[in-house]
Amino acid sequence: MSLSPKKCPRRVKNDFLGLKDSFSTVKSDFLGLERDFQGRETIS
Protein backbone atom coordinates (compact mmCIF):
# COMPACT_ATOMS: atom_id res chain seq x y z
CA MET A 1 0.00 0.00 0.00
CA SER A 2 1.78 3.13 -1.24
CA LEU A 3 -1.20 5.29 -0.28
CA SER A 4 -0.77 6.80 3.15
CA PRO A 5 -3.97 6.48 5.24
CA LYS A 6 -3.33 9.95 6.70
CA LYS A 7 -3.92 11.54 3.29
CA CYS A 8 -7.42 10.16 2.72
CA PRO A 9 -8.61 8.11 5.70
CA ARG A 10 -12.25 8.48 4.67
CA ARG A 11 -11.68 7.00 1.21
CA VAL A 12 -9.68 4.10 2.59
CA LYS A 13 -12.37 3.47 5.18
CA ASN A 14 -15.07 3.53 2.50
CA ASP A 15 -13.04 1.10 0.38
CA PHE A 16 -12.76 -1.30 3.30
CA LEU A 17 -16.48 -1.00 4.06
CA GLY A 18 -17.30 -1.66 0.40
CA LEU A 19 -15.07 -4.73 0.41
CA LYS A 20 -16.77 -5.97 3.57
CA ASP A 21 -20.20 -5.45 1.99
CA SER A 22 -19.29 -7.35 -1.18
CA PHE A 23 -17.77 -10.16 0.87
CA SER A 24 -20.93 -10.48 2.97
CA THR A 25 -23.13 -10.53 -0.15
CA VAL A 26 -20.95 -13.23 -1.71
CA LYS A 27 -21.12 -15.20 1.54
CA SER A 28 -24.92 -14.99 1.61
CA ASP A 29 -25.03 -16.02 -2.06
CA PHE A 30 -22.96 -19.11 -1.26
CA LEU A 31 -25.20 -19.89 1.71
CA GLY A 32 -28.26 -19.62 -0.52
CA LEU A 33 -26.67 -21.93 -3.09
CA GLU A 34 -25.83 -24.42 -0.37
CA ARG A 35 -29.41 -24.33 0.88
CA ASP A 36 -30.73 -24.89 -2.64
CA PHE A 37 -28.36 -27.83 -3.11
CA GLN A 38 -29.42 -29.45 0.17
CA GLY A 39 -33.08 -28.86 -0.65
CA ARG A 40 -32.72 -30.57 -4.02
CA GLU A 41 -30.93 -33.50 -2.42
CA THR A 42 -33.70 -34.04 0.13
CA ILE A 43 -36.40 -33.74 -2.54
CA SER A 44 -34.90 -36.25 -4.99
C-alpha atoms as a PDB file:
ATOM      1  CA  MET A   1       0.000   0.000   0.000  1.00  0.00           C
ATOM      2  CA  SER A   2       1.784   3.129  -1.241  1.00  0.00           C
ATOM      3  CA  LEU A   3      -1.197   5.288  -0.278  1.00  0.00           C
ATOM      4  CA  SER A   4      -0.774   6.796   3.151  1.00  0.00           C
ATOM      5  CA  PRO A   5      -3.965   6.481   5.240  1.00  0.00           C
ATOM      6  CA  LYS A   6      -3.334   9.947   6.696  1.00  0.00           C
ATOM      7  CA  LYS A   7      -3.924  11.536   3.291  1.00  0.00           C
ATOM      8  CA  CYS A   8      -7.418  10.157   2.715  1.00  0.00           C
ATOM      9  CA  PRO A   9      -8.612   8.114   5.696  1.00  0.00           C
ATOM     10  CA  ARG A  10     -12.247   8.480   4.669  1.00  0.00           C
ATOM     11  CA  ARG A  11     -11.681   7.000   1.213  1.00  0.00           C
ATOM     12  CA  VAL A  12      -9.677   4.105   2.594  1.00  0.00           C
ATOM     13  CA  LYS A  13     -12.372   3.473   5.183  1.00  0.00           C
ATOM     14  CA  ASN A  14     -15.068   3.526   2.500  1.00  0.00           C
ATOM     15  CA  ASP A  15     -13.043   1.100   0.383  1.00  0.00           C
ATOM     16  CA  PHE A  16     -12.764  -1.300   3.299  1.00  0.00           C
ATOM     17  CA  LEU A  17     -16.478  -0.996   4.058  1.00  0.00           C
ATOM     18  CA  GLY A  18     -17.296  -1.661   0.402  1.00  0.00           C
ATOM     19  CA  LEU A  19     -15.069  -4.731   0.414  1.00  0.00           C
ATOM     20  CA  LYS A  20     -16.770  -5.971   3.569  1.00  0.00           C
ATOM     21  CA  ASP A  21     -20.195  -5.453   1.987  1.00  0.00           C
ATOM     22  CA  SER A  22     -19.292  -7.350  -1.178  1.00  0.00           C
ATOM     23  CA  PHE A  23     -17.773 -10.158   0.869  1.00  0.00           C
ATOM     24  CA  SER A  24     -20.934 -10.479   2.970  1.00  0.00           C
ATOM     25  CA  THR A  25     -23.128 -10.534  -0.152  1.00  0.00           C
ATOM     26  CA  VAL A  26     -20.945 -13.234  -1.714  1.00  0.00           C
ATOM     27  CA  LYS A  27     -21.118 -15.198   1.536  1.00  0.00           C
ATOM     28  CA  SER A  28     -24.919 -14.987   1.610  1.00  0.00           C
ATOM     29  CA  ASP A  29     -25.025 -16.023  -2.056  1.00  0.00           C
ATOM     30  CA  PHE A  30     -22.963 -19.111  -1.264  1.00  0.00           C
ATOM     31  CA  LEU A  31     -25.197 -19.895   1.711  1.00  0.00           C
ATOM     32  CA  GLY A  32     -28.262 -19.624  -0.519  1.00  0.00           C
ATOM     33  CA  LEU A  33     -26.672 -21.929  -3.095  1.00  0.00           C
ATOM     34  CA  GLU A  34     -25.828 -24.418  -0.372  1.00  0.00           C
ATOM     35  CA  ARG A  35     -29.413 -24.328   0.879  1.00  0.00           C
ATOM     36  CA  ASP A  36     -30.730 -24.893  -2.644  1.00  0.00           C
ATOM     37  CA  PHE A  37     -28.362 -27.828  -3.114  1.00  0.00           C
ATOM     38  CA  GLN A  38     -29.423 -29.452   0.166  1.00  0.00           C
ATOM     39  CA  GLY A  39     -33.081 -28.856  -0.647  1.00  0.00           C
ATOM     40  CA  ARG A  40     -32.716 -30.568  -4.020  1.00  0.00           C
ATOM     41  CA  GLU A  41     -30.926 -33.499  -2.424  1.00  0.00           C
ATOM     42  CA  THR A  42     -33.695 -34.038   0.135  1.00  0.00           C
ATOM     43  CA  ILE A  43     -36.400 -33.738  -2.536  1.00  0.00           C
ATOM     44  CA  SER A  44     -34.898 -36.247  -4.988  1.00  0.00           C
END
